[in-house]
N, C-alpha and C. Protein backbone atom coordinates (compact mmCIF):
# COMPACT_ATOMS: atom_id res chain seq x y z
N UNK A 1 209.15 162.05 95.10
CA UNK A 1 208.06 161.95 96.10
C UNK A 1 206.75 161.96 95.36
N UNK A 2 206.60 162.92 94.45
CA UNK A 2 205.29 162.98 93.68
C UNK A 2 205.06 161.67 92.93
N UNK A 3 206.22 161.07 92.36
CA UNK A 3 206.00 159.83 91.59
C UNK A 3 205.56 158.76 92.59
N UNK A 4 206.07 158.69 93.71
CA UNK A 4 205.78 157.71 94.80
C UNK A 4 204.28 157.84 95.19
N UNK A 5 203.86 159.02 95.28
CA UNK A 5 202.43 159.28 95.61
C UNK A 5 201.46 158.84 94.54
N UNK A 6 201.86 159.12 93.35
CA UNK A 6 200.98 158.67 92.23
C UNK A 6 200.83 157.13 92.10
N UNK A 7 202.05 156.52 92.34
CA UNK A 7 202.05 155.03 92.32
C UNK A 7 201.24 154.44 93.44
N UNK A 8 201.35 155.09 94.65
CA UNK A 8 200.55 154.57 95.77
C UNK A 8 199.09 154.73 95.55
N UNK A 9 198.65 155.85 95.06
CA UNK A 9 197.28 156.15 94.74
C UNK A 9 196.71 155.19 93.68
N UNK A 10 197.54 154.93 92.70
CA UNK A 10 197.22 153.98 91.65
C UNK A 10 196.94 152.59 92.21
N UNK A 11 197.87 152.12 93.07
CA UNK A 11 197.75 150.79 93.60
C UNK A 11 196.55 150.68 94.52
N UNK A 12 196.22 151.72 95.26
CA UNK A 12 195.07 151.71 96.05
C UNK A 12 193.69 151.62 95.25
N UNK A 13 193.69 152.40 94.19
CA UNK A 13 192.55 152.41 93.30
C UNK A 13 192.37 151.05 92.61
N UNK A 14 193.47 150.42 92.23
CA UNK A 14 193.40 149.13 91.59
C UNK A 14 192.94 147.99 92.52
N UNK A 15 193.34 148.23 93.87
CA UNK A 15 192.93 147.22 94.81
C UNK A 15 191.45 147.26 95.00
N UNK A 16 190.94 148.54 95.18
CA UNK A 16 189.53 148.77 95.47
C UNK A 16 188.70 148.21 94.26
N UNK A 17 189.18 148.43 93.02
CA UNK A 17 188.50 148.03 91.85
C UNK A 17 188.38 146.47 91.83
N UNK A 18 189.55 145.88 92.16
CA UNK A 18 189.53 144.36 92.18
C UNK A 18 188.63 143.81 93.17
N UNK A 19 188.58 144.30 94.32
CA UNK A 19 187.79 143.88 95.43
C UNK A 19 186.25 144.03 95.08
N UNK A 20 185.98 145.22 94.39
CA UNK A 20 184.54 145.44 94.03
C UNK A 20 184.06 144.52 92.95
N UNK A 21 184.98 144.23 92.02
CA UNK A 21 184.54 143.27 90.98
C UNK A 21 184.46 141.86 91.49
N UNK A 22 185.22 141.48 92.39
CA UNK A 22 185.31 140.17 93.06
C UNK A 22 183.97 139.91 93.79
N UNK A 23 183.53 140.99 94.48
CA UNK A 23 182.27 140.87 95.22
C UNK A 23 181.07 140.76 94.37
N UNK A 24 181.12 141.48 93.22
CA UNK A 24 180.00 141.42 92.28
C UNK A 24 179.93 140.09 91.60
N UNK A 25 181.03 139.36 91.47
CA UNK A 25 181.06 138.06 90.78
C UNK A 25 180.66 136.99 91.77
N UNK A 26 180.67 137.30 93.11
CA UNK A 26 180.29 136.33 94.13
C UNK A 26 179.08 136.92 94.93
N UNK A 27 177.87 136.83 94.48
CA UNK A 27 176.73 137.38 95.12
C UNK A 27 176.59 136.97 96.61
N UNK A 28 177.07 135.75 96.89
CA UNK A 28 176.90 135.28 98.25
C UNK A 28 177.66 136.03 99.32
N UNK A 29 178.69 136.75 98.84
CA UNK A 29 179.46 137.55 99.71
C UNK A 29 178.87 138.92 100.03
N UNK A 30 177.69 139.28 99.32
CA UNK A 30 177.07 140.54 99.47
C UNK A 30 175.77 140.43 100.30
N UNK A 31 175.60 139.37 101.03
CA UNK A 31 174.42 139.19 101.83
C UNK A 31 173.11 139.29 101.05
N UNK A 32 173.05 138.70 99.89
CA UNK A 32 171.86 138.73 99.07
C UNK A 32 171.82 139.70 98.00
N UNK A 33 172.67 140.81 98.05
CA UNK A 33 172.62 141.83 97.04
C UNK A 33 173.36 141.27 95.86
N UNK A 34 172.58 141.46 94.70
CA UNK A 34 173.14 140.95 93.44
C UNK A 34 172.83 139.46 93.21
N UNK A 35 171.96 138.87 93.98
CA UNK A 35 171.64 137.46 93.80
C UNK A 35 171.04 137.22 92.43
N UNK A 36 171.18 136.09 91.95
CA UNK A 36 170.70 135.69 90.60
C UNK A 36 169.20 135.72 90.48
N UNK A 37 168.63 136.40 89.51
CA UNK A 37 167.22 136.37 89.35
C UNK A 37 166.88 135.59 88.01
N UNK A 38 166.12 134.61 88.10
CA UNK A 38 165.79 133.72 86.99
C UNK A 38 164.75 134.44 86.10
N UNK A 39 164.71 134.03 84.84
CA UNK A 39 163.71 134.53 83.99
C UNK A 39 162.31 134.13 84.29
N UNK A 40 162.27 132.87 84.85
CA UNK A 40 160.95 132.37 85.22
C UNK A 40 160.27 133.22 86.34
N UNK A 41 161.11 133.74 87.22
CA UNK A 41 160.62 134.49 88.30
C UNK A 41 160.05 135.90 87.90
N UNK A 42 160.50 136.34 86.70
CA UNK A 42 160.07 137.64 86.19
C UNK A 42 158.75 137.67 85.50
N UNK A 43 158.38 136.58 84.88
CA UNK A 43 157.13 136.50 84.15
C UNK A 43 155.88 136.24 85.01
N UNK A 44 154.71 136.52 84.54
CA UNK A 44 153.52 136.24 85.27
C UNK A 44 153.24 134.76 85.31
N UNK A 45 153.57 134.05 84.29
CA UNK A 45 153.23 132.61 84.22
C UNK A 45 154.24 131.72 85.00
N UNK A 46 155.46 132.28 85.28
CA UNK A 46 156.43 131.49 86.04
C UNK A 46 156.84 130.27 85.25
N UNK A 47 157.02 130.31 83.97
CA UNK A 47 157.42 129.25 83.16
C UNK A 47 158.63 129.60 82.30
N UNK A 48 159.32 128.58 81.74
CA UNK A 48 160.45 128.87 80.84
C UNK A 48 159.88 129.43 79.52
N UNK A 49 160.33 130.67 79.28
CA UNK A 49 159.74 131.28 78.02
C UNK A 49 160.30 130.77 76.74
N UNK A 50 161.33 129.90 76.80
CA UNK A 50 161.97 129.32 75.60
C UNK A 50 161.34 127.99 75.22
N UNK A 51 160.48 127.42 76.15
CA UNK A 51 160.05 126.03 75.85
C UNK A 51 158.83 125.96 74.92
N UNK A 52 158.08 127.02 74.75
CA UNK A 52 156.93 127.07 73.95
C UNK A 52 155.90 126.04 74.37
N UNK A 53 155.82 125.71 75.64
CA UNK A 53 154.89 124.81 76.19
C UNK A 53 153.53 125.46 76.32
N UNK A 54 152.42 124.64 76.44
CA UNK A 54 151.14 125.14 76.47
C UNK A 54 150.91 126.14 77.63
N UNK A 55 151.58 125.86 78.77
CA UNK A 55 151.41 126.82 79.94
C UNK A 55 152.06 128.07 79.72
N UNK A 56 153.06 128.15 78.83
CA UNK A 56 153.67 129.45 78.48
C UNK A 56 152.86 130.24 77.44
N UNK A 57 152.27 129.52 76.54
CA UNK A 57 151.42 130.16 75.53
C UNK A 57 150.14 130.72 76.07
N UNK A 58 149.65 130.11 77.12
CA UNK A 58 148.42 130.62 77.71
C UNK A 58 147.17 130.08 77.08
N UNK A 59 146.03 130.58 77.46
CA UNK A 59 144.76 130.02 76.91
C UNK A 59 144.44 130.65 75.48
N UNK A 60 144.04 129.76 74.61
CA UNK A 60 143.74 130.24 73.27
C UNK A 60 142.50 131.06 73.24
N UNK A 61 142.45 132.03 72.37
CA UNK A 61 141.22 132.86 72.29
C UNK A 61 140.13 132.14 71.47
N UNK A 62 138.96 132.31 71.86
CA UNK A 62 137.83 131.67 71.30
C UNK A 62 136.72 132.78 71.05
N UNK A 63 136.87 133.51 69.95
CA UNK A 63 135.95 134.58 69.60
C UNK A 63 134.60 134.03 69.26
N UNK A 64 133.59 134.83 69.64
CA UNK A 64 132.18 134.35 69.33
C UNK A 64 131.98 134.14 67.85
N UNK A 65 131.18 133.22 67.54
CA UNK A 65 130.85 132.93 66.15
C UNK A 65 129.37 133.32 65.82
N UNK A 66 128.79 134.09 66.70
CA UNK A 66 127.38 134.50 66.47
C UNK A 66 127.29 135.37 65.22
N UNK A 67 126.35 135.16 64.40
CA UNK A 67 126.14 136.03 63.21
C UNK A 67 125.80 137.37 63.57
N UNK A 68 126.24 138.33 62.83
CA UNK A 68 125.76 139.80 62.97
C UNK A 68 124.25 139.86 62.95
N UNK A 69 123.72 140.53 63.95
CA UNK A 69 122.23 140.70 63.94
C UNK A 69 121.62 139.60 64.78
N UNK A 70 122.34 138.79 65.47
CA UNK A 70 121.78 137.71 66.21
C UNK A 70 121.06 138.13 67.48
N UNK A 71 121.29 139.44 67.90
CA UNK A 71 120.69 140.05 69.06
C UNK A 71 121.43 139.83 70.38
N UNK A 72 122.55 139.06 70.29
CA UNK A 72 123.36 138.82 71.49
C UNK A 72 124.19 140.19 71.83
N UNK A 73 124.11 140.59 73.12
CA UNK A 73 124.89 141.70 73.50
C UNK A 73 125.74 141.45 74.74
N UNK A 74 126.80 142.20 74.83
CA UNK A 74 127.75 142.05 75.94
C UNK A 74 127.67 143.24 76.80
N UNK A 75 127.55 143.10 78.09
CA UNK A 75 127.52 144.25 78.99
C UNK A 75 128.77 145.07 78.88
N UNK A 76 128.68 146.34 79.07
CA UNK A 76 129.84 147.19 79.10
C UNK A 76 130.62 146.98 80.32
N UNK A 77 131.95 146.98 80.28
CA UNK A 77 132.79 146.71 81.43
C UNK A 77 132.66 147.84 82.53
N UNK A 78 132.31 149.06 82.12
CA UNK A 78 132.07 150.12 83.08
C UNK A 78 131.24 151.21 82.36
N UNK A 79 130.77 152.16 83.02
CA UNK A 79 129.95 153.23 82.38
C UNK A 79 130.70 153.89 81.27
N UNK A 80 130.02 154.00 80.16
CA UNK A 80 130.53 154.61 78.92
C UNK A 80 131.68 153.95 78.28
N UNK A 81 131.89 152.66 78.74
CA UNK A 81 132.97 151.84 78.01
C UNK A 81 132.51 151.59 76.56
N UNK A 82 133.44 151.57 75.64
CA UNK A 82 133.15 151.18 74.26
C UNK A 82 132.54 149.77 74.23
N UNK A 83 131.37 149.53 73.64
CA UNK A 83 130.78 148.24 73.62
C UNK A 83 131.74 147.17 72.91
N UNK A 84 131.70 145.97 73.49
CA UNK A 84 132.41 144.86 72.78
C UNK A 84 131.65 144.49 71.53
N UNK A 85 132.39 143.80 70.64
CA UNK A 85 131.67 143.29 69.42
C UNK A 85 131.12 141.94 69.74
N UNK A 86 129.85 141.65 69.64
CA UNK A 86 129.28 140.44 70.08
C UNK A 86 129.20 139.35 68.93
N UNK A 87 129.51 139.80 67.75
CA UNK A 87 129.33 138.84 66.62
C UNK A 87 130.71 138.54 65.94
N UNK A 88 130.65 137.59 65.04
CA UNK A 88 131.86 137.18 64.27
C UNK A 88 132.26 138.31 63.40
N UNK A 89 133.61 138.59 63.36
CA UNK A 89 134.16 139.66 62.42
C UNK A 89 134.96 139.05 61.33
N UNK A 90 134.78 137.75 61.11
CA UNK A 90 135.48 137.11 60.01
C UNK A 90 135.21 137.77 58.63
N UNK A 91 136.22 138.23 57.96
CA UNK A 91 136.08 138.86 56.66
C UNK A 91 135.76 140.31 56.78
N UNK A 92 135.64 140.90 57.92
CA UNK A 92 135.38 142.34 58.09
C UNK A 92 136.61 143.16 58.29
N UNK A 93 137.71 142.51 58.72
CA UNK A 93 138.93 143.17 59.04
C UNK A 93 139.98 142.92 57.95
N UNK A 94 140.92 143.82 57.74
CA UNK A 94 141.07 145.14 58.45
C UNK A 94 140.11 146.18 57.98
N UNK A 95 139.91 147.15 58.86
CA UNK A 95 138.98 148.30 58.50
C UNK A 95 139.83 149.43 58.03
N UNK A 96 139.46 149.98 56.85
CA UNK A 96 140.18 151.13 56.32
C UNK A 96 139.19 152.29 56.21
N UNK A 97 139.61 153.49 56.01
CA UNK A 97 138.76 154.60 55.82
C UNK A 97 137.92 154.51 54.62
N UNK A 98 138.36 153.73 53.58
CA UNK A 98 137.56 153.50 52.32
C UNK A 98 136.82 152.15 52.29
N UNK A 99 137.12 151.36 53.25
CA UNK A 99 136.46 150.03 53.24
C UNK A 99 136.06 149.66 54.77
N UNK A 100 134.90 150.11 55.18
CA UNK A 100 134.46 149.89 56.48
C UNK A 100 133.11 149.29 56.47
N UNK A 101 133.09 147.93 56.65
CA UNK A 101 131.87 147.13 56.61
C UNK A 101 130.94 147.35 57.80
N UNK A 102 131.54 147.91 58.91
CA UNK A 102 130.70 148.21 60.09
C UNK A 102 129.59 149.23 59.82
N UNK A 103 129.90 150.19 59.01
CA UNK A 103 128.94 151.22 58.71
C UNK A 103 127.78 150.74 57.89
N UNK A 104 127.94 149.55 57.28
CA UNK A 104 126.87 149.00 56.48
C UNK A 104 125.65 148.65 57.34
N UNK A 105 125.84 148.38 58.63
CA UNK A 105 124.75 148.03 59.59
C UNK A 105 124.61 149.04 60.69
N UNK A 106 125.68 149.66 61.08
CA UNK A 106 125.70 150.55 62.24
C UNK A 106 125.50 152.00 61.96
N UNK A 107 125.43 152.39 60.66
CA UNK A 107 125.13 153.80 60.34
C UNK A 107 123.71 154.06 60.80
N UNK A 108 123.43 155.26 61.39
CA UNK A 108 122.10 155.53 61.93
C UNK A 108 120.94 155.34 61.01
N UNK A 109 121.15 155.62 59.72
CA UNK A 109 120.05 155.58 58.78
C UNK A 109 119.67 154.13 58.46
N UNK A 110 120.50 153.21 58.75
CA UNK A 110 120.16 151.80 58.43
C UNK A 110 120.06 150.88 59.66
N UNK A 111 120.65 151.36 60.80
CA UNK A 111 120.77 150.45 61.94
C UNK A 111 119.41 149.90 62.42
N UNK A 112 118.43 150.74 62.52
CA UNK A 112 117.06 150.28 63.06
C UNK A 112 116.49 149.23 62.18
N UNK A 113 116.67 149.30 60.82
CA UNK A 113 116.06 148.42 59.93
C UNK A 113 116.63 147.00 60.06
N UNK A 114 117.99 146.95 60.45
CA UNK A 114 118.62 145.60 60.46
C UNK A 114 118.83 145.16 61.96
N UNK A 115 118.29 145.95 62.85
CA UNK A 115 118.40 145.53 64.30
C UNK A 115 119.78 145.76 64.98
N UNK A 116 120.56 146.62 64.36
CA UNK A 116 121.83 146.91 64.95
C UNK A 116 121.86 148.20 65.75
N UNK A 117 122.89 148.28 66.56
CA UNK A 117 123.06 149.48 67.40
C UNK A 117 123.70 150.60 66.57
N UNK A 118 123.04 151.70 66.39
CA UNK A 118 123.61 152.78 65.58
C UNK A 118 124.79 153.44 66.30
N UNK A 119 125.88 153.81 65.62
CA UNK A 119 126.96 154.51 66.14
C UNK A 119 126.37 155.92 66.67
N UNK A 120 126.84 156.45 67.75
CA UNK A 120 126.24 157.63 68.37
C UNK A 120 126.63 158.91 67.65
N UNK A 121 125.94 160.00 68.09
CA UNK A 121 126.17 161.30 67.55
C UNK A 121 127.58 161.75 67.70
N UNK A 122 128.24 161.36 68.82
CA UNK A 122 129.63 161.70 69.12
C UNK A 122 130.50 161.31 67.96
N UNK A 123 130.15 160.21 67.23
CA UNK A 123 130.97 159.76 66.11
C UNK A 123 130.80 160.50 64.84
N UNK A 124 129.83 161.40 64.88
CA UNK A 124 129.56 162.26 63.76
C UNK A 124 129.84 163.77 64.01
N UNK A 125 130.79 163.96 64.91
CA UNK A 125 131.28 165.33 65.22
C UNK A 125 132.80 165.36 65.03
N UNK A 126 133.19 166.45 64.37
CA UNK A 126 134.58 166.65 64.18
C UNK A 126 135.13 167.60 65.29
N UNK A 127 135.85 167.00 66.26
CA UNK A 127 136.36 167.71 67.40
C UNK A 127 137.65 168.35 67.13
N UNK A 128 138.25 168.10 65.95
CA UNK A 128 139.56 168.64 65.71
C UNK A 128 139.43 170.12 65.30
N UNK A 129 140.49 170.87 65.70
CA UNK A 129 140.39 172.39 65.39
C UNK A 129 140.53 172.63 63.92
N UNK A 130 139.79 173.67 63.49
CA UNK A 130 139.95 174.12 62.12
C UNK A 130 141.35 174.71 61.96
N UNK A 131 141.91 174.50 60.78
CA UNK A 131 143.26 174.87 60.49
C UNK A 131 143.25 176.07 59.49
N UNK A 132 144.19 176.94 59.52
CA UNK A 132 144.31 178.01 58.54
C UNK A 132 145.77 177.99 58.03
N UNK A 133 145.93 178.52 56.88
CA UNK A 133 147.30 178.53 56.23
C UNK A 133 148.05 179.77 56.77
N UNK A 134 149.23 179.48 57.37
CA UNK A 134 150.11 180.57 57.89
C UNK A 134 151.36 180.45 57.13
N UNK A 135 151.75 181.46 56.35
CA UNK A 135 153.00 181.56 55.62
C UNK A 135 153.12 180.20 54.77
N UNK A 136 152.11 179.82 54.12
CA UNK A 136 152.18 178.64 53.29
C UNK A 136 152.16 177.28 53.94
N UNK A 137 152.11 177.23 55.32
CA UNK A 137 152.09 176.02 56.08
C UNK A 137 150.73 175.83 56.72
N UNK A 138 150.18 174.62 56.63
CA UNK A 138 148.90 174.35 57.21
C UNK A 138 149.06 174.17 58.68
N UNK A 139 148.83 175.19 59.51
CA UNK A 139 149.04 175.24 60.93
C UNK A 139 147.72 175.61 61.64
N UNK A 140 147.52 174.86 62.78
CA UNK A 140 146.28 175.14 63.59
C UNK A 140 146.32 176.53 64.14
N UNK A 141 145.25 177.22 64.02
CA UNK A 141 145.16 178.55 64.54
C UNK A 141 145.03 178.55 66.03
N UNK A 142 145.60 179.54 66.73
CA UNK A 142 145.48 179.61 68.15
C UNK A 142 144.33 180.63 68.56
N UNK A 143 143.63 181.16 67.60
CA UNK A 143 142.60 182.10 67.87
C UNK A 143 141.31 181.35 67.92
N UNK A 144 140.50 181.58 69.10
CA UNK A 144 139.23 180.85 69.26
C UNK A 144 138.24 181.10 68.16
N UNK A 145 138.30 182.29 67.56
CA UNK A 145 137.34 182.53 66.45
C UNK A 145 137.60 181.75 65.23
N UNK A 146 138.79 181.16 65.14
CA UNK A 146 139.14 180.32 63.98
C UNK A 146 138.93 178.82 64.27
N UNK A 147 138.50 178.51 65.50
CA UNK A 147 138.34 177.11 65.92
C UNK A 147 136.83 176.70 65.93
N UNK A 148 136.54 175.61 65.37
CA UNK A 148 135.07 175.25 65.32
C UNK A 148 134.96 173.72 65.56
N UNK A 149 133.77 173.38 66.06
CA UNK A 149 133.44 171.95 66.22
C UNK A 149 132.32 171.73 65.21
N UNK A 150 132.56 170.88 64.28
CA UNK A 150 131.57 170.58 63.19
C UNK A 150 130.78 169.40 63.35
N UNK A 151 129.44 169.58 63.32
CA UNK A 151 128.50 168.40 63.35
C UNK A 151 128.41 167.89 61.90
N UNK A 152 128.59 166.66 61.68
CA UNK A 152 128.60 166.06 60.37
C UNK A 152 127.37 165.24 60.17
N UNK A 153 127.11 164.88 58.93
CA UNK A 153 125.98 164.04 58.64
C UNK A 153 126.36 162.54 58.57
N UNK A 154 127.61 162.25 58.65
CA UNK A 154 128.05 160.81 58.55
C UNK A 154 129.22 160.64 59.49
N UNK A 155 129.85 159.49 59.49
CA UNK A 155 130.91 159.15 60.40
C UNK A 155 132.08 160.10 60.18
N UNK A 156 132.57 160.67 61.30
CA UNK A 156 133.79 161.59 61.23
C UNK A 156 135.02 160.72 60.78
N UNK A 157 135.88 161.35 60.03
CA UNK A 157 137.04 160.62 59.55
C UNK A 157 137.96 160.19 60.59
N UNK A 158 138.04 160.81 61.80
CA UNK A 158 138.92 160.37 62.87
C UNK A 158 138.31 159.16 63.56
N UNK A 159 137.04 158.76 63.24
CA UNK A 159 136.34 157.60 63.89
C UNK A 159 136.32 156.43 62.98
N UNK A 160 136.96 156.44 61.85
CA UNK A 160 136.79 155.30 60.92
C UNK A 160 137.23 153.98 61.47
N UNK A 161 138.33 154.01 62.32
CA UNK A 161 138.88 152.73 62.77
C UNK A 161 138.14 152.14 63.94
N UNK A 162 137.07 151.50 63.73
CA UNK A 162 136.12 150.98 64.77
C UNK A 162 136.91 150.11 65.81
N UNK A 163 137.81 149.21 65.21
CA UNK A 163 138.49 148.24 66.09
C UNK A 163 139.55 148.83 67.00
N UNK A 164 139.70 150.17 66.89
CA UNK A 164 140.69 150.80 67.78
C UNK A 164 140.11 150.85 69.14
N UNK A 165 138.81 150.99 69.35
CA UNK A 165 138.07 151.00 70.60
C UNK A 165 137.22 149.79 70.87
N UNK A 166 136.65 149.24 69.76
CA UNK A 166 135.70 148.09 69.88
C UNK A 166 136.42 146.85 69.44
N UNK A 167 136.27 145.82 70.22
CA UNK A 167 136.93 144.52 69.93
C UNK A 167 136.06 143.34 70.19
N UNK A 168 136.33 142.23 69.49
CA UNK A 168 135.55 141.00 69.77
C UNK A 168 135.80 140.48 71.19
N UNK A 169 134.91 139.81 71.76
CA UNK A 169 135.06 139.18 73.05
C UNK A 169 135.35 137.71 73.02
N UNK A 170 136.43 137.28 73.64
CA UNK A 170 136.76 135.85 73.71
C UNK A 170 136.12 135.20 74.98
N UNK A 171 135.69 134.01 74.77
CA UNK A 171 135.13 133.29 75.98
C UNK A 171 136.18 132.41 76.65
N UNK A 172 137.42 132.71 76.46
CA UNK A 172 138.46 131.98 77.12
C UNK A 172 138.52 132.36 78.62
N UNK A 173 139.06 131.47 79.50
CA UNK A 173 139.03 131.70 80.89
C UNK A 173 139.81 133.02 81.21
N UNK A 174 139.26 133.90 81.92
CA UNK A 174 139.81 135.22 82.24
C UNK A 174 140.57 135.09 83.58
N UNK A 175 141.67 135.94 83.77
CA UNK A 175 142.36 135.99 85.02
C UNK A 175 141.42 136.37 86.13
N UNK A 176 141.70 135.91 87.30
CA UNK A 176 140.80 136.26 88.46
C UNK A 176 140.71 137.72 88.58
N UNK A 177 139.47 138.25 88.74
CA UNK A 177 139.25 139.75 88.69
C UNK A 177 138.11 140.05 89.72
N UNK A 178 138.37 140.92 90.62
CA UNK A 178 137.40 141.33 91.62
C UNK A 178 136.72 142.71 91.31
N UNK A 179 137.02 143.22 90.09
CA UNK A 179 136.47 144.55 89.66
C UNK A 179 134.93 144.41 89.50
N UNK A 180 134.19 145.34 89.98
CA UNK A 180 132.77 145.37 89.80
C UNK A 180 132.43 146.77 89.28
N UNK A 181 131.69 146.73 88.15
CA UNK A 181 131.30 147.97 87.49
C UNK A 181 130.27 148.74 88.28
N UNK A 182 130.44 150.04 88.39
CA UNK A 182 129.50 150.88 89.04
C UNK A 182 128.93 151.80 88.01
N UNK A 183 127.75 151.48 87.47
CA UNK A 183 127.04 152.29 86.50
C UNK A 183 126.36 153.47 87.14
N UNK A 184 126.39 154.60 86.37
CA UNK A 184 125.68 155.85 87.00
C UNK A 184 124.19 155.86 86.60
N UNK A 185 123.82 155.01 85.63
CA UNK A 185 122.49 154.88 85.20
C UNK A 185 122.05 153.42 85.25
N UNK A 186 120.77 153.25 85.34
CA UNK A 186 120.19 151.95 85.34
C UNK A 186 120.52 151.09 84.15
N UNK A 187 120.56 151.84 83.04
CA UNK A 187 120.86 151.13 81.76
C UNK A 187 122.32 151.32 81.33
N UNK A 188 123.17 151.62 82.30
CA UNK A 188 124.60 151.93 81.94
C UNK A 188 125.30 150.70 81.44
N UNK A 189 124.83 149.49 81.66
CA UNK A 189 125.50 148.33 81.14
C UNK A 189 125.35 148.21 79.60
N UNK A 190 124.39 148.91 79.03
CA UNK A 190 124.08 148.89 77.62
C UNK A 190 124.07 150.20 76.94
N UNK A 191 124.04 151.27 77.65
CA UNK A 191 123.96 152.62 76.95
C UNK A 191 124.98 153.61 77.53
N UNK A 192 125.37 154.52 76.75
CA UNK A 192 126.34 155.60 77.14
C UNK A 192 125.63 156.86 77.58
N UNK A 193 126.24 157.53 78.47
CA UNK A 193 125.75 158.83 78.93
C UNK A 193 126.31 160.00 78.10
N UNK A 194 127.31 159.66 77.22
CA UNK A 194 127.94 160.72 76.46
C UNK A 194 127.24 161.05 75.22
N UNK A 195 126.12 161.76 75.37
CA UNK A 195 125.30 162.06 74.20
C UNK A 195 124.55 163.40 74.48
N UNK A 196 123.92 163.95 73.49
CA UNK A 196 123.15 165.11 73.64
C UNK A 196 123.97 166.29 74.19
N UNK A 197 123.58 167.07 75.19
CA UNK A 197 124.32 168.19 75.63
C UNK A 197 125.60 167.76 76.34
N UNK A 198 125.64 166.48 76.75
CA UNK A 198 126.84 165.97 77.49
C UNK A 198 128.07 166.07 76.56
N UNK A 199 127.88 166.05 75.22
CA UNK A 199 128.96 166.09 74.29
C UNK A 199 129.80 167.37 74.38
N UNK A 200 129.16 168.43 74.77
CA UNK A 200 129.80 169.73 74.82
C UNK A 200 130.21 170.24 76.16
N UNK A 201 129.95 169.43 77.24
CA UNK A 201 130.24 169.85 78.60
C UNK A 201 131.70 170.13 78.78
N UNK A 202 132.10 171.27 79.29
CA UNK A 202 133.46 171.60 79.56
C UNK A 202 134.22 172.10 78.34
N UNK A 203 133.61 172.21 77.21
CA UNK A 203 134.20 172.77 75.97
C UNK A 203 133.67 174.10 75.68
N UNK A 204 134.53 175.09 75.95
CA UNK A 204 134.14 176.55 75.82
C UNK A 204 134.67 177.03 74.51
N UNK A 205 134.13 176.54 73.42
CA UNK A 205 134.61 176.90 72.06
C UNK A 205 133.37 177.19 71.20
N UNK A 206 133.34 178.30 70.47
CA UNK A 206 132.25 178.56 69.62
C UNK A 206 132.03 177.54 68.57
N UNK A 207 130.81 177.25 68.23
CA UNK A 207 130.53 176.20 67.20
C UNK A 207 130.41 176.79 65.85
């Protein structure tokens, strides 16, 4: 009797499994569930991604060729947005901590003489916590008295990679966009509010 029950249960399970697989293989029998989705319908461009046609590749980038110091500026996308690079960067990339051509013009001590925008004071502050050695391992201290914010006389090491936030602007056709910047200051399109005492707002750490 037990053997017959096991055989019966096995046959029922096999039948259900067969019916389920058959329905999955025939999406039309599921009222639309499991219908075929084409790759073209998944992408934004709605084209065959394997064709390498121009409509798949999209618009080519056309970075500005203005020489550094030409005076051309790009409005910030929003208040305090990192400024776009308005000039040609040919030969200036990649930027490394030991080879940064941006500082040659944008360092505060030389910027005014060459007509460049100096990098702000925020780029000359080390916001990383001071570390102390614990049991031979360099570990950040959890004590407030051991944490400090250091004001430096030059670009902070954490800020060396300028192109991490600043990028050249391409004049290629942009996707339709209804976003409108709302600046909190009249000069918000060209200047940041994150300066002076603003740098330390909300940071309750002894200097």
